[in-house]
């Protein structure tokens, strides 16, 4: 039962990673630094291989599931700090 839950969690996490990586890769300009580009490519490839491994009937490792969930949460989170730490009050607007 726990193995089935781990497989389901890994499938959801890998799917979320692919959903977030694909548009990010498509929006990259030629000016994007190569480490960022290749990091996202490798993350997307790892998620795709994780899904193929699950469909092939492979077993899951709890450490892999935790890592995939962490990456999925990281990609889903808001990365623009101005939206996270908006300290202006509602009535405080510039003309």
PDB file of N, CA and C in Angstrom:
ATOM      1  N   UNK A   1       0.824  -1.197   0.000  1.00  0.00           N
ATOM      2  CA  UNK A   1       0.000   0.000   0.000  1.00  0.00           C
ATOM      3  C   UNK A   1       0.867   1.260   0.000  1.00  0.00           C
ATOM      4  N   UNK A   2       1.947   1.238   0.791  1.00  0.00           N
ATOM      5  CA  UNK A   2       2.835   2.404   0.829  1.00  0.00           C
ATOM      6  C   UNK A   2       3.554   2.557  -0.505  1.00  0.00           C
ATOM      7  N   UNK A   3       3.893   1.430  -1.138  1.00  0.00           N
ATOM      8  CA  UNK A   3       4.565   1.497  -2.433  1.00  0.00           C
ATOM      9  C   UNK A   3       3.651   2.140  -3.479  1.00  0.00           C
ATOM     10  N   UNK A   4       2.380   1.814  -3.437  1.00  0.00           N
ATOM     11  CA  UNK A   4       1.423   2.423  -4.364  1.00  0.00           C
ATOM     12  C   UNK A   4       1.288   3.926  -4.108  1.00  0.00           C
ATOM     13  N   UNK A   5       1.270   4.322  -2.836  1.00  0.00           N
ATOM     14  CA  UNK A   5       1.185   5.751  -2.502  1.00  0.00           C
ATOM     15  C   UNK A   5       2.432   6.493  -2.963  1.00  0.00           C
ATOM     16  N   UNK A   6       3.604   5.867  -2.801  1.00  0.00           N
ATOM     17  CA  UNK A   6       4.842   6.498  -3.265  1.00  0.00           C
ATOM     18  C   UNK A   6       4.845   6.646  -4.786  1.00  0.00           C
ATOM     19  N   UNK A   7       4.364   5.625  -5.486  1.00  0.00           N
ATOM     20  CA  UNK A   7       4.309   5.707  -6.947  1.00  0.00           C
ATOM     21  C   UNK A   7       3.352   6.801  -7.409  1.00  0.00           C
ATOM     22  N   UNK A   8       2.217   6.905  -6.751  1.00  0.00           N
ATOM     23  CA  UNK A   8       1.254   7.942  -7.113  1.00  0.00           C
ATOM     24  C   UNK A   8       1.813   9.336  -6.836  1.00  0.00           C
ATOM     25  N   UNK A   9       2.475   9.485  -5.703  1.00  0.00           N
ATOM     26  CA  UNK A   9       3.073  10.773  -5.356  1.00  0.00           C
ATOM     27  C   UNK A   9       4.183  11.145  -6.329  1.00  0.00           C
ATOM     28  N   UNK A  10       4.989  10.165  -6.718  1.00  0.00           N
ATOM     29  CA  UNK A  10       6.059  10.422  -7.692  1.00  0.00           C
ATOM     30  C   UNK A  10       5.476  10.780  -9.053  1.00  0.00           C
ATOM     31  N   UNK A  11       4.401  10.124  -9.452  1.00  0.00           N
ATOM     32  CA  UNK A  11       3.758  10.434 -10.728  1.00  0.00           C
ATOM     33  C   UNK A  11       3.203  11.853 -10.733  1.00  0.00           C
ATOM     34  N   UNK A  12       2.575  12.252  -9.650  1.00  0.00           N
ATOM     35  CA  UNK A  12       2.033  13.614  -9.555  1.00  0.00           C
ATOM     36  C   UNK A  12       3.162  14.644  -9.564  1.00  0.00           C
ATOM     37  N   UNK A  13       4.227  14.375  -8.811  1.00  0.00           N
ATOM     38  CA  UNK A  13       5.337  15.323  -8.738  1.00  0.00           C
ATOM     39  C   UNK A  13       6.046  15.452 -10.087  1.00  0.00           C
ATOM     40  N   UNK A  14       6.297  14.331 -10.744  1.00  0.00           N
ATOM     41  CA  UNK A  14       6.970  14.382 -12.049  1.00  0.00           C
ATOM     42  C   UNK A  14       6.100  15.068 -13.103  1.00  0.00           C
ATOM     43  N   UNK A  15       4.805  14.847 -13.035  1.00  0.00           N
ATOM     44  CA  UNK A  15       3.894  15.522 -13.968  1.00  0.00           C
ATOM     45  C   UNK A  15       3.893  17.028 -13.728  1.00  0.00           C
ATOM     46  N   UNK A  16       3.889  17.436 -12.466  1.00  0.00           N
ATOM     47  CA  UNK A  16       3.928  18.866 -12.149  1.00  0.00           C
ATOM     48  C   UNK A  16       5.239  19.493 -12.611  1.00  0.00           C
ATOM     49  N   UNK A  17       6.326  18.766 -12.467  1.00  0.00           N
ATOM     50  CA  UNK A  17       7.624  19.274 -12.931  1.00  0.00           C
ATOM     51  C   UNK A  17       7.597  19.485 -14.435  1.00  0.00           C
ATOM     52  N   UNK A  18       7.077  18.525 -15.170  1.00  0.00           N
ATOM     53  CA  UNK A  18       7.016  18.669 -16.630  1.00  0.00           C
ATOM     54  C   UNK A  18       6.101  19.813 -17.051  1.00  0.00           C
ATOM     55  N   UNK A  19       4.991  19.973 -16.342  1.00  0.00           N
ATOM     56  CA  UNK A  19       4.053  21.047 -16.676  1.00  0.00           C
ATOM     57  C   UNK A  19       4.694  22.414 -16.477  1.00  0.00           C
ATOM     58  N   UNK A  20       5.552  22.556 -15.476  1.00  0.00           N
ATOM     59  CA  UNK A  20       6.191  23.851 -15.209  1.00  0.00           C
ATOM     60  C   UNK A  20       7.472  24.064 -16.023  1.00  0.00           C
ATOM     61  N   UNK A  21       8.202  22.994 -16.348  1.00  0.00           N
ATOM     62  CA  UNK A  21       9.473  23.143 -17.070  1.00  0.00           C
ATOM     63  C   UNK A  21       9.266  23.444 -18.550  1.00  0.00           C
ATOM     64  N   UNK A  22       8.288  22.822 -19.160  1.00  0.00           N
ATOM     65  CA  UNK A  22       8.115  22.971 -20.602  1.00  0.00           C
ATOM     66  C   UNK A  22       7.847  24.422 -21.017  1.00  0.00           C
ATOM     67  N   UNK A  23       6.922  25.142 -20.372  1.00  0.00           N
ATOM     68  CA  UNK A  23       6.743  26.545 -20.774  1.00  0.00           C
ATOM     69  C   UNK A  23       7.947  27.417 -20.431  1.00  0.00           C
ATOM     70  N   UNK A  24       8.622  27.102 -19.336  1.00  0.00           N
ATOM     71  CA  UNK A  24       9.798  27.891 -18.966  1.00  0.00           C
ATOM     72  C   UNK A  24      10.899  27.728 -20.007  1.00  0.00           C
ATOM     73  N   UNK A  25      11.068  26.531 -20.514  1.00  0.00           N
ATOM     74  CA  UNK A  25      12.068  26.313 -21.560  1.00  0.00           C
ATOM     75  C   UNK A  25      11.687  27.026 -22.853  1.00  0.00           C
ATOM     76  N   UNK A  26      10.405  27.040 -23.166  1.00  0.00           N
ATOM     77  CA  UNK A  26       9.963  27.701 -24.397  1.00  0.00           C
ATOM     78  C   UNK A  26      10.085  29.217 -24.320  1.00  0.00           C
ATOM     79  N   UNK A  27       9.995  29.788 -23.120  1.00  0.00           N
ATOM     80  CA  UNK A  27      10.073  31.239 -22.974  1.00  0.00           C
ATOM     81  C   UNK A  27      11.505  31.756 -22.853  1.00  0.00           C
ATOM     82  N   UNK A  28      12.480  30.871 -22.781  1.00  0.00           N
ATOM     83  CA  UNK A  28      13.863  31.325 -22.625  1.00  0.00           C
ATOM     84  C   UNK A  28      14.346  31.998 -23.891  1.00  0.00           C
ATOM     85  N   UNK A  29      15.078  33.075 -23.692  1.00  0.00           N
ATOM     86  CA  UNK A  29      15.649  33.786 -24.827  1.00  0.00           C
ATOM     87  C   UNK A  29      17.071  33.286 -25.063  1.00  0.00           C
ATOM     88  N   UNK A  30      17.668  33.663 -26.163  1.00  0.00           N
ATOM     89  CA  UNK A  30      19.068  33.285 -26.391  1.00  0.00           C
ATOM     90  C   UNK A  30      20.027  33.894 -25.357  1.00  0.00           C
ATOM     91  N   UNK A  31      19.560  34.894 -24.648  1.00  0.00           N
ATOM     92  CA  UNK A  31      20.396  35.533 -23.625  1.00  0.00           C
ATOM     93  C   UNK A  31      20.376  34.790 -22.292  1.00  0.00           C
ATOM     94  N   UNK A  32      19.550  33.760 -22.170  1.00  0.00           N
ATOM     95  CA  UNK A  32      19.481  33.002 -20.923  1.00  0.00           C
ATOM     96  C   UNK A  32      20.810  32.293 -20.693  1.00  0.00           C
ATOM     97  N   UNK A  33      21.356  32.400 -19.491  1.00  0.00           N
ATOM     98  CA  UNK A  33      22.638  31.728 -19.220  1.00  0.00           C
ATOM     99  C   UNK A  33      22.523  30.214 -19.405  1.00  0.00           C
ATOM    100  N   UNK A  34      23.583  29.623 -19.931  1.00  0.00           N
ATOM    101  CA  UNK A  34      23.535  28.195 -20.233  1.00  0.00           C
ATOM    102  C   UNK A  34      23.345  27.317 -19.002  1.00  0.00           C
ATOM    103  N   UNK A  35      23.855  27.664 -17.799  1.00  0.00           N
ATOM    104  CA  UNK A  35      23.578  26.769 -16.669  1.00  0.00           C
ATOM    105  C   UNK A  35      22.083  26.677 -16.329  1.00  0.00           C
ATOM    106  N   UNK A  36      21.371  27.797 -16.473  1.00  0.00           N
ATOM    107  CA  UNK A  36      19.929  27.785 -16.212  1.00  0.00           C
ATOM    108  C   UNK A  36      19.209  26.924 -17.246  1.00  0.00           C
ATOM    109  N   UNK A  37      19.574  27.098 -18.500  1.00  0.00           N
ATOM    110  CA  UNK A  37      18.939  26.336 -19.583  1.00  0.00           C
ATOM    111  C   UNK A  37      19.157  24.835 -19.403  1.00  0.00           C
ATOM    112  N   UNK A  38      20.402  24.442 -19.151  1.00  0.00           N
ATOM    113  CA  UNK A  38      20.696  23.007 -19.020  1.00  0.00           C
ATOM    114  C   UNK A  38      20.153  22.431 -17.717  1.00  0.00           C
ATOM    115  N   UNK A  39      20.076  23.237 -16.678  1.00  0.00           N
ATOM    116  CA  UNK A  39      19.500  22.748 -15.419  1.00  0.00           C
ATOM    117  C   UNK A  39      18.026  22.402 -15.617  1.00  0.00           C
ATOM    118  N   UNK A  40      17.286  23.286 -16.281  1.00  0.00           N
ATOM    119  CA  UNK A  40      15.869  22.990 -16.530  1.00  0.00           C
ATOM    120  C   UNK A  40      15.684  21.820 -17.488  1.00  0.00           C
ATOM    121  N   UNK A  41      16.580  21.706 -18.477  1.00  0.00           N
ATOM    122  CA  UNK A  41      16.503  20.558 -19.378  1.00  0.00           C
ATOM    123  C   UNK A  41      16.733  19.250 -18.630  1.00  0.00           C
ATOM    124  N   UNK A  42      17.722  19.234 -17.736  1.00  0.00           N
ATOM    125  CA  UNK A  42      18.014  18.018 -16.977  1.00  0.00           C
ATOM    126  C   UNK A  42      16.892  17.692 -15.988  1.00  0.00           C
ATOM    127  N   UNK A  43      16.299  18.724 -15.383  1.00  0.00           N
ATOM    128  CA  UNK A  43      15.170  18.490 -14.473  1.00  0.00           C
ATOM    129  C   UNK A  43      13.987  17.904 -15.234  1.00  0.00           C
ATOM    130  N   UNK A  44      13.699  18.454 -16.417  1.00  0.00           N
ATOM    131  CA  UNK A  44      12.597  17.932 -17.231  1.00  0.00           C
ATOM    132  C   UNK A  44      12.894  16.502 -17.695  1.00  0.00           C
ATOM    133  N   UNK A  45      14.133  16.232 -18.071  1.00  0.00           N
ATOM    134  CA  UNK A  45      14.507  14.885 -18.499  1.00  0.00           C
ATOM    135  C   UNK A  45      14.384  13.895 -17.349  1.00  0.00           C
ATOM    136  N   UNK A  46      14.800  14.294 -16.158  1.00  0.00           N
ATOM    137  CA  UNK A  46      14.668  13.422 -14.996  1.00  0.00           C
ATOM    138  C   UNK A  46      13.218  13.124 -14.669  1.00  0.00           C
ATOM    139  N   UNK A  47      12.351  14.126 -14.794  1.00  0.00           N
ATOM    140  CA  UNK A  47      10.923  13.911 -14.542  1.00  0.00           C
ATOM    141  C   UNK A  47      10.320  12.981 -15.591  1.00  0.00           C
ATOM    142  N   UNK A  48      10.721  13.165 -16.831  1.00  0.00           N
ATOM    143  CA  UNK A  48      10.213  12.301 -17.898  1.00  0.00           C
ATOM    144  C   UNK A  48      10.679  10.862 -17.699  1.00  0.00           C
ATOM    145  N   UNK A  49      11.935  10.683 -17.330  1.00  0.00           N
ATOM    146  CA  UNK A  49      12.440   9.335 -17.071  1.00  0.00           C
ATOM    147  C   UNK A  49      11.790   8.723 -15.829  1.00  0.00           C
ATOM    148  N   UNK A  50      11.450   9.564 -14.848  1.00  0.00           N
ATOM    149  CA  UNK A  50      10.734   9.069 -13.681  1.00  0.00           C
ATOM    150  C   UNK A  50       9.360   8.540 -14.040  1.00  0.00           C
ATOM    151  N   UNK A  51       8.671   9.241 -14.918  1.00  0.00           N
ATOM    152  CA  UNK A  51       7.347   8.776 -15.372  1.00  0.00           C
ATOM    153  C   UNK A  51       7.489   7.492 -16.181  1.00  0.00           C
ATOM    154  N   UNK A  52       8.478   7.440 -17.083  1.00  0.00           N
ATOM    155  CA  UNK A  52       8.681   6.224 -17.867  1.00  0.00           C
ATOM    156  C   UNK A  52       9.065   5.046 -16.982  1.00  0.00           C
ATOM    157  N   UNK A  53       9.846   5.298 -15.941  1.00  0.00           N
ATOM    158  CA  UNK A  53      10.210   4.236 -15.011  1.00  0.00           C
ATOM    159  C   UNK A  53       9.011   3.704 -14.253  1.00  0.00           C
ATOM    160  N   UNK A  54       8.094   4.589 -13.899  1.00  0.00           N
ATOM    161  CA  UNK A  54       6.867   4.139 -13.232  1.00  0.00           C
ATOM    162  C   UNK A  54       5.983   3.334 -14.177  1.00  0.00           C
ATOM    163  N   UNK A  55       5.879   3.781 -15.422  1.00  0.00           N
ATOM    164  CA  UNK A  55       5.054   3.068 -16.389  1.00  0.00           C
ATOM    165  C   UNK A  55       5.662   1.716 -16.760  1.00  0.00           C
ATOM    166  N   UNK A  56       6.990   1.617 -16.624  1.00  0.00           N
ATOM    167  CA  UNK A  56       7.679   0.369 -16.926  1.00  0.00           C
ATOM    168  C   UNK A  56       7.534  -0.641 -15.790  1.00  0.00           C
ATOM    169  N   UNK A  57       7.031  -0.204 -14.647  1.00  0.00           N
ATOM    170  CA  UNK A  57       6.825  -1.116 -13.532  1.00  0.00           C
ATOM    171  C   UNK A  57       7.950  -1.102 -12.519  1.00  0.00           C
ATOM    172  N   UNK A  58       8.790  -0.101 -12.560  1.00  0.00           N
ATOM    173  CA  UNK A  58       9.903  -0.015 -11.631  1.00  0.00           C
ATOM    174  C   UNK A  58       9.449   0.345 -10.225  1.00  0.00           C
ATOM    175  N   UNK A  59      10.342   0.133  -9.274  1.00  0.00           N
ATOM    176  CA  UNK A  59      10.031   0.457  -7.882  1.00  0.00           C
ATOM    177  C   UNK A  59      10.449   1.894  -7.579  1.00  0.00           C
ATOM    178  N   UNK A  60       9.934   2.426  -6.503  1.00  0.00           N
ATOM    179  CA  UNK A  60      10.248   3.794  -6.121  1.00  0.00           C
ATOM    180  C   UNK A  60      11.101   3.803  -4.868  1.00  0.00           C
ATOM    181  N   UNK A  61      11.908   4.831  -4.770  1.00  0.00           N
ATOM    182  CA  UNK A  61      12.750   5.052  -3.619  1.00  0.00           C
ATOM    183  C   UNK A  61      12.178   6.259  -2.868  1.00  0.00           C
ATOM    184  N   UNK A  62      11.987   6.182  -1.559  1.00  0.00           N
ATOM    185  CA  UNK A  62      11.427   7.336  -0.837  1.00  0.00           C
ATOM    186  C   UNK A  62      12.257   8.608  -0.994  1.00  0.00           C
ATOM    187  N   UNK A  63      13.562   8.481  -1.100  1.00  0.00           N
ATOM    188  CA  UNK A  63      14.400   9.668  -1.287  1.00  0.00           C
ATOM    189  C   UNK A  63      14.118  10.327  -2.639  1.00  0.00           C
ATOM    190  N   UNK A  64      13.879   9.529  -3.660  1.00  0.00           N
ATOM    191  CA  UNK A  64      13.550  10.070  -4.984  1.00  0.00           C
ATOM    192  C   UNK A  64      12.202  10.778  -4.962  1.00  0.00           C
ATOM    193  N   UNK A  65      11.255  10.217  -4.251  1.00  0.00           N
ATOM    194  CA  UNK A  65       9.928  10.826  -4.144  1.00  0.00           C
ATOM    195  C   UNK A  65      10.023  12.164  -3.419  1.00  0.00           C
ATOM    196  N   UNK A  66      10.795  12.218  -2.345  1.00  0.00           N
ATOM    197  CA  UNK A  66      10.957  13.469  -1.593  1.00  0.00           C
ATOM    198  C   UNK A  66      11.655  14.513  -2.454  1.00  0.00           C
ATOM    199  N   UNK A  67      12.674  14.108  -3.196  1.00  0.00           N
ATOM    200  CA  UNK A  67      13.392  15.040  -4.069  1.00  0.00           C
ATOM    201  C   UNK A  67      12.485  15.574  -5.175  1.00  0.00           C
ATOM    202  N   UNK A  68      11.705  14.695  -5.798  1.00  0.00           N
ATOM    203  CA  UNK A  68      10.796  15.128  -6.862  1.00  0.00           C
ATOM    204  C   UNK A  68       9.726  16.065  -6.323  1.00  0.00           C
ATOM    205  N   UNK A  69       9.210  15.784  -5.124  1.00  0.00           N
ATOM    206  CA  UNK A  69       8.206  16.675  -4.527  1.00  0.00           C
ATOM    207  C   UNK A  69       8.816  18.035  -4.209  1.00  0.00           C
ATOM    208  N   UNK A  70      10.031  18.060  -3.726  1.00  0.00           N
ATOM    209  CA  UNK A  70      10.699  19.325  -3.432  1.00  0.00           C
ATOM    210  C   UNK A  70      10.934  20.151  -4.684  1.00  0.00           C
ATOM    211  N   UNK A  71      11.353  19.516  -5.758  1.00  0.00           N
ATOM    212  CA  UNK A  71      11.562  20.228  -7.020  1.00  0.00           C
ATOM    213  C   UNK A  71      10.236  20.746  -7.565  1.00  0.00           C
ATOM    214  N   UNK A  72       9.183  19.944  -7.475  1.00  0.00           N
ATOM    215  CA  UNK A  72       7.865  20.378  -7.954  1.00  0.00           C
ATOM    216  C   UNK A  72       7.372  21.585  -7.164  1.00  0.00           C
ATOM    217  N   UNK A  73       7.535  21.559  -5.846  1.00  0.00           N
ATOM    218  CA  UNK A  73       7.119  22.702  -5.022  1.00  0.00           C
ATOM    219  C   UNK A  73       7.953  23.930  -5.354  1.00  0.00           C
ATOM    220  N   UNK A  74       9.244  23.741  -5.573  1.00  0.00           N
ATOM    221  CA  UNK A  74      10.125  24.854  -5.931  1.00  0.00           C
ATOM    222  C   UNK A  74       9.705  25.481  -7.256  1.00  0.00           C
ATOM    223  N   UNK A  75       9.342  24.661  -8.224  1.00  0.00           N
ATOM    224  CA  UNK A  75       8.925  25.186  -9.525  1.00  0.00           C
ATOM    225  C   UNK A  75       7.537  25.817  -9.481  1.00  0.00           C
ATOM    226  N   UNK A  76       6.686  25.354  -8.586  1.00  0.00           N
ATOM    227  CA  UNK A  76       5.337  25.918  -8.474  1.00  0.00           C
ATOM    228  C   UNK A  76       5.318  27.236  -7.714  1.00  0.00           C
ATOM    229  N   UNK A  77       6.314  27.468  -6.888  1.00  0.00           N
ATOM    230  CA  UNK A  77       6.332  28.663  -6.050  1.00  0.00           C
ATOM    231  C   UNK A  77       6.605  29.933  -6.837  1.00  0.00           C
ATOM    232  N   UNK A  78       6.205  31.039  -6.265  1.00  0.00           N
ATOM    233  CA  UNK A  78       6.430  32.353  -6.874  1.00  0.00           C
ATOM    234  C   UNK A  78       7.892  32.736  -6.687  1.00  0.00           C
ATOM    235  N   UNK A  79       8.569  33.055  -7.787  1.00  0.00           N
ATOM    236  CA  UNK A  79       9.988  33.370  -7.719  1.00  0.00           C
ATOM    237  C   UNK A  79      10.279  34.865  -7.802  1.00  0.00           C
ATOM    238  N   UNK A  80       9.258  35.654  -8.010  1.00  0.00           N
ATOM    239  CA  UNK A  80       9.465  37.101  -8.068  1.00  0.00           C
ATOM    240  C   UNK A  80       9.314  37.660  -6.659  1.00  0.00           C
ATOM    241  N   UNK A  81      10.399  38.130  -6.119  1.00  0.00           N
ATOM    242  CA  UNK A  81      10.414  38.557  -4.721  1.00  0.00           C
ATOM    243  C   UNK A  81       9.518  39.758  -4.469  1.00  0.00           C
ATOM    244  N   UNK A  82       9.289  40.571  -5.473  1.00  0.00           N
ATOM    245  CA  UNK A  82       8.449  41.749  -5.252  1.00  0.00           C
ATOM    246  C   UNK A  82       7.008  41.352  -4.962  1.00  0.00           C
ATOM    247  N   UNK A  83       6.587  40.178  -5.409  1.00  0.00           N
ATOM    248  CA  UNK A  83       5.238  39.714  -5.095  1.00  0.00           C
ATOM    249  C   UNK A  83       5.174  39.054  -3.726  1.00  0.00           C
ATOM    250  N   UNK A  84       6.278  38.473  -3.308  1.00  0.00           N
ATOM    251  CA  UNK A  84       6.296  37.799  -2.012  1.00  0.00           C
ATOM    252  C   UNK A  84       6.424  38.775  -0.854  1.00  0.00           C
ATOM    253  N   UNK A  85       7.236  39.797  -1.038  1.00  0.00           N
ATOM    254  CA  UNK A  85       7.531  40.730   0.044  1.00  0.00           C
ATOM    255  C   UNK A  85       7.061  42.129  -0.308  1.00  0.00           C
ATOM    256  N   UNK A  86       5.786  42.270  -0.619  1.00  0.00           N
ATOM    257  CA  UNK A  86       5.225  43.571  -0.947  1.00  0.00           C
ATOM    258  C   UNK A  86       4.855  44.259   0.368  1.00  0.00           C
ATOM    259  N   UNK A  87       5.696  45.197   0.804  1.00  0.00           N
ATOM    260  CA  UNK A  87       5.509  45.835   2.104  1.00  0.00           C
ATOM    261  C   UNK A  87       4.668  47.105   2.030  1.00  0.00           C
ATOM    262  N   UNK A  88       4.269  47.505   0.829  1.00  0.00           N
ATOM    263  CA  UNK A  88       3.450  48.706   0.721  1.00  0.00           C
ATOM    264  C   UNK A  88       2.049  48.447   1.233  1.00  0.00           C
ATOM    265  N   UNK A  89       1.480  49.435   1.853  1.00  0.00           N
ATOM    266  CA  UNK A  89       0.105  49.324   2.330  1.00  0.00           C
ATOM    267  C   UNK A  89      -0.851  49.506   1.151  1.00  0.00           C
ATOM    268  N   UNK A  90      -2.086  49.086   1.323  1.00  0.00           N
ATOM    269  CA  UNK A  90      -3.056  49.159   0.236  1.00  0.00           C
ATOM    270  C   UNK A  90      -3.318  50.597  -0.209  1.00  0.00           C
ATOM    271  N   UNK A  91      -3.391  51.548   0.727  1.00  0.00           N
ATOM    272  CA  UNK A  91      -3.676  52.930   0.366  1.00  0.00           C
ATOM    273  C   UNK A  91      -2.456  53.713  -0.085  1.00  0.00           C
ATOM    274  N   UNK A  92      -1.295  53.119  -0.023  1.00  0.00           N
ATOM    275  CA  UNK A  92      -0.025  53.765  -0.350  1.00  0.00           C
ATOM    276  C   UNK A  92       0.263  53.625  -1.848  1.00  0.00           C
ATOM    277  N   UNK A  93      -0.222  54.549  -2.653  1.00  0.00           N
ATOM    278  CA  UNK A  93       0.016  54.465  -4.092  1.00  0.00           C
ATOM    279  C   UNK A  93       0.686  55.740  -4.571  1.00  0.00           C
ATOM    280  N   UNK A  94       1.549  55.574  -5.521  1.00  0.00           N
ATOM    281  CA  UNK A  94       2.223  56.725  -6.107  1.00  0.00           C
ATOM    282  C   UNK A  94       1.377  57.281  -7.249  1.00  0.00           C
ATOM    283  N   UNK A  95       1.460  58.567  -7.460  1.00  0.00           N
ATOM    284  CA  UNK A  95       0.673  59.195  -8.503  1.00  0.00           C
ATOM    285  C   UNK A  95       1.285  58.981  -9.859  1.00  0.00           C
TER     286      UNK A  95
END
